[in-house]
Amino acid sequence: MAELSKLQSVLQCKCPRCRKGDIFTGSAYAFKLQKTNITCPVCNLKFEREPGFFYVAMFVSYAMNVAEIITIGVASYILGLPLIYDNLWYYVALIMAGVLLLSPINYRYSRVILLHWLTPGLGYVPGSGVQK
């Protein structure tokens, strides 16, 4: 099996050390509650590096939400919704719908970004996912 690149492992939510094990159980839009695995099922890396580690993911999620809100607002304007007071609630409804639809993605990828790019000393180790 070919090894995944950094971008592929981020997009597929794989472990930052072995790039083979899944970080989450299930898919983002499954009816079951999505959970973060405690350890990597392949290389046994503990994902929560210290108590409260994933609280930092809230800041990453906040940045993602701000980018989404700006994008939805600008796209609405470009696609023909005039920026006047009478259309204020249309903008609010569109932005809230977009934020709600993207919240499972934000949950998932804020943690993945935190693990892959914002955790010092945690990087890819070739061969760490080899079963013995």
Protein backbone atom coordinates (compact mmCIF):
# COMPACT_ATOMS: atom_id res chain seq x y z
CA MET A 1 0.00 0.00 0.00
CA ALA A 2 1.37 3.41 -0.98
CA GLU A 3 2.05 5.83 1.84
CA LEU A 4 -0.20 8.87 2.13
CA SER A 5 1.13 12.38 1.71
CA LYS A 6 0.66 14.93 4.48
CA LEU A 7 -2.30 16.53 2.69
CA GLN A 8 -3.96 13.17 2.00
CA SER A 9 -3.61 12.11 5.64
CA VAL A 10 -5.15 15.42 6.78
CA LEU A 11 -8.07 15.14 4.34
CA GLN A 12 -8.70 11.51 5.30
CA CYS A 13 -8.32 12.25 9.06
CA LYS A 14 -5.46 9.81 9.59
CA CYS A 15 -2.96 9.63 12.44
CA PRO A 16 -0.12 12.19 12.16
CA ARG A 17 2.55 9.63 13.19
CA CYS A 18 1.76 6.57 11.03
CA ARG A 19 -0.73 8.11 8.54
CA LYS A 20 -2.71 4.85 8.59
CA GLY A 21 -4.93 4.81 11.68
CA ASP A 22 -8.20 6.73 11.86
CA ILE A 23 -8.50 9.63 14.29
CA PHE A 24 -12.34 9.43 14.40
CA THR A 25 -14.93 6.70 14.58
CA GLY A 26 -17.50 6.89 11.80
CA SER A 27 -18.06 9.59 9.23
CA ALA A 28 -18.68 13.30 9.76
CA TYR A 29 -22.39 13.17 8.89
CA ALA A 30 -23.31 9.79 10.37
CA PHE A 31 -26.38 9.50 12.59
CA LYS A 32 -24.22 8.21 15.45
CA LEU A 33 -22.28 10.71 17.52
CA GLN A 34 -18.79 11.10 16.11
CA LYS A 35 -16.02 10.52 18.61
CA THR A 36 -12.29 10.94 18.64
CA ASN A 37 -10.38 7.72 19.22
CA ILE A 38 -8.28 7.76 22.40
CA THR A 39 -5.31 6.14 20.68
CA CYS A 40 -4.37 5.33 17.10
CA PRO A 41 -5.54 1.79 16.28
CA VAL A 42 -2.35 1.17 14.26
CA CYS A 43 0.61 2.79 16.07
CA ASN A 44 -0.99 3.38 19.51
CA LEU A 45 -0.31 7.14 19.53
CA LYS A 46 -2.32 8.89 22.24
CA PHE A 47 -4.23 11.67 20.45
CA GLU A 48 -5.02 13.79 23.53
CA ARG A 49 -1.44 14.76 24.32
CA GLU A 50 -2.27 16.23 27.76
CA PRO A 51 -5.44 16.95 29.76
CA GLY A 52 -7.48 19.62 27.99
CA PHE A 53 -5.42 19.32 24.79
CA PHE A 54 -8.42 19.59 22.48
CA TYR A 55 -9.63 22.84 24.06
CA VAL A 56 -7.14 24.52 21.73
CA ALA A 57 -9.13 23.07 18.82
CA MET A 58 -11.91 25.51 19.76
CA PHE A 59 -9.68 28.38 18.64
CA VAL A 60 -8.99 26.64 15.34
CA SER A 61 -12.73 26.00 14.92
CA TYR A 62 -13.44 29.67 15.67
CA ALA A 63 -11.06 30.75 12.89
CA MET A 64 -12.73 28.29 10.52
CA ASN A 65 -16.18 29.66 11.46
CA VAL A 66 -15.12 33.26 10.83
CA ALA A 67 -13.75 32.31 7.41
CA GLU A 68 -17.00 30.46 6.58
CA ILE A 69 -19.19 33.37 7.72
CA ILE A 70 -17.24 35.85 5.59
CA THR A 71 -17.29 33.50 2.60
CA ILE A 72 -21.05 32.89 2.84
CA GLY A 73 -21.77 36.61 3.24
CA VAL A 74 -19.59 37.65 0.29
CA ALA A 75 -20.90 34.79 -1.89
CA SER A 76 -24.49 35.82 -1.13
CA TYR A 77 -23.73 39.39 -2.19
CA ILE A 78 -21.91 38.31 -5.36
CA LEU A 79 -24.71 35.92 -6.31
CA GLY A 80 -27.23 38.76 -6.28
CA LEU A 81 -28.57 39.35 -2.77
CA PRO A 82 -28.45 43.15 -2.38
CA LEU A 83 -26.83 44.48 0.76
CA ILE A 84 -29.74 46.52 2.11
CA TYR A 85 -31.49 46.57 5.47
CA ASP A 86 -34.53 44.66 4.18
CA ASN A 87 -32.32 41.66 3.34
CA LEU A 88 -30.59 41.50 6.73
CA TRP A 89 -32.54 38.43 7.89
CA TYR A 90 -31.79 36.61 4.63
CA TYR A 91 -28.09 37.07 5.31
CA VAL A 92 -28.51 35.94 8.93
CA ALA A 93 -30.50 32.85 7.85
CA LEU A 94 -27.99 31.89 5.15
CA ILE A 95 -25.02 32.31 7.47
CA MET A 96 -26.66 30.36 10.32
CA ALA A 97 -27.64 27.53 7.95
CA GLY A 98 -24.10 27.39 6.58
CA VAL A 99 -22.56 27.35 10.05
CA LEU A 100 -24.90 24.57 11.19
CA LEU A 101 -24.26 22.47 8.10
CA LEU A 102 -20.49 22.84 8.44
CA SER A 103 -20.25 22.27 12.21
CA PRO A 104 -19.41 18.52 11.95
CA ILE A 105 -16.64 19.38 9.48
CA ASN A 106 -15.33 22.10 11.83
CA TYR A 107 -15.31 19.68 14.78
CA ARG A 108 -13.39 17.10 12.82
CA TYR A 109 -10.88 19.25 10.97
CA SER A 110 -10.10 21.60 13.84
CA ARG A 111 -8.77 18.58 15.74
CA VAL A 112 -6.95 17.23 12.70
CA ILE A 113 -5.29 20.61 12.03
CA LEU A 114 -4.30 20.81 15.69
CA LEU A 115 -2.71 17.36 15.61
CA HIS A 116 -1.00 17.64 12.22
CA TRP A 117 0.22 21.24 12.10
CA LEU A 118 -0.02 22.88 15.52
CA THR A 119 1.48 20.23 17.81
CA PRO A 120 5.25 20.59 18.15
CA GLY A 121 7.26 17.39 18.15
CA LEU A 122 4.48 15.29 16.61
CA GLY A 123 5.40 14.29 13.09
CA TYR A 124 5.42 11.46 10.63
CA VAL A 125 7.61 8.48 11.52
CA PRO A 126 7.99 6.14 8.53
CA GLY A 127 7.40 2.53 9.47
CA SER A 128 5.61 3.29 12.74
CA GLY A 129 2.40 1.74 11.47
CA VAL A 130 3.96 -1.60 10.59
CA GLN A 131 2.14 -4.49 12.27
CA LYS A 132 4.47 -6.90 14.09
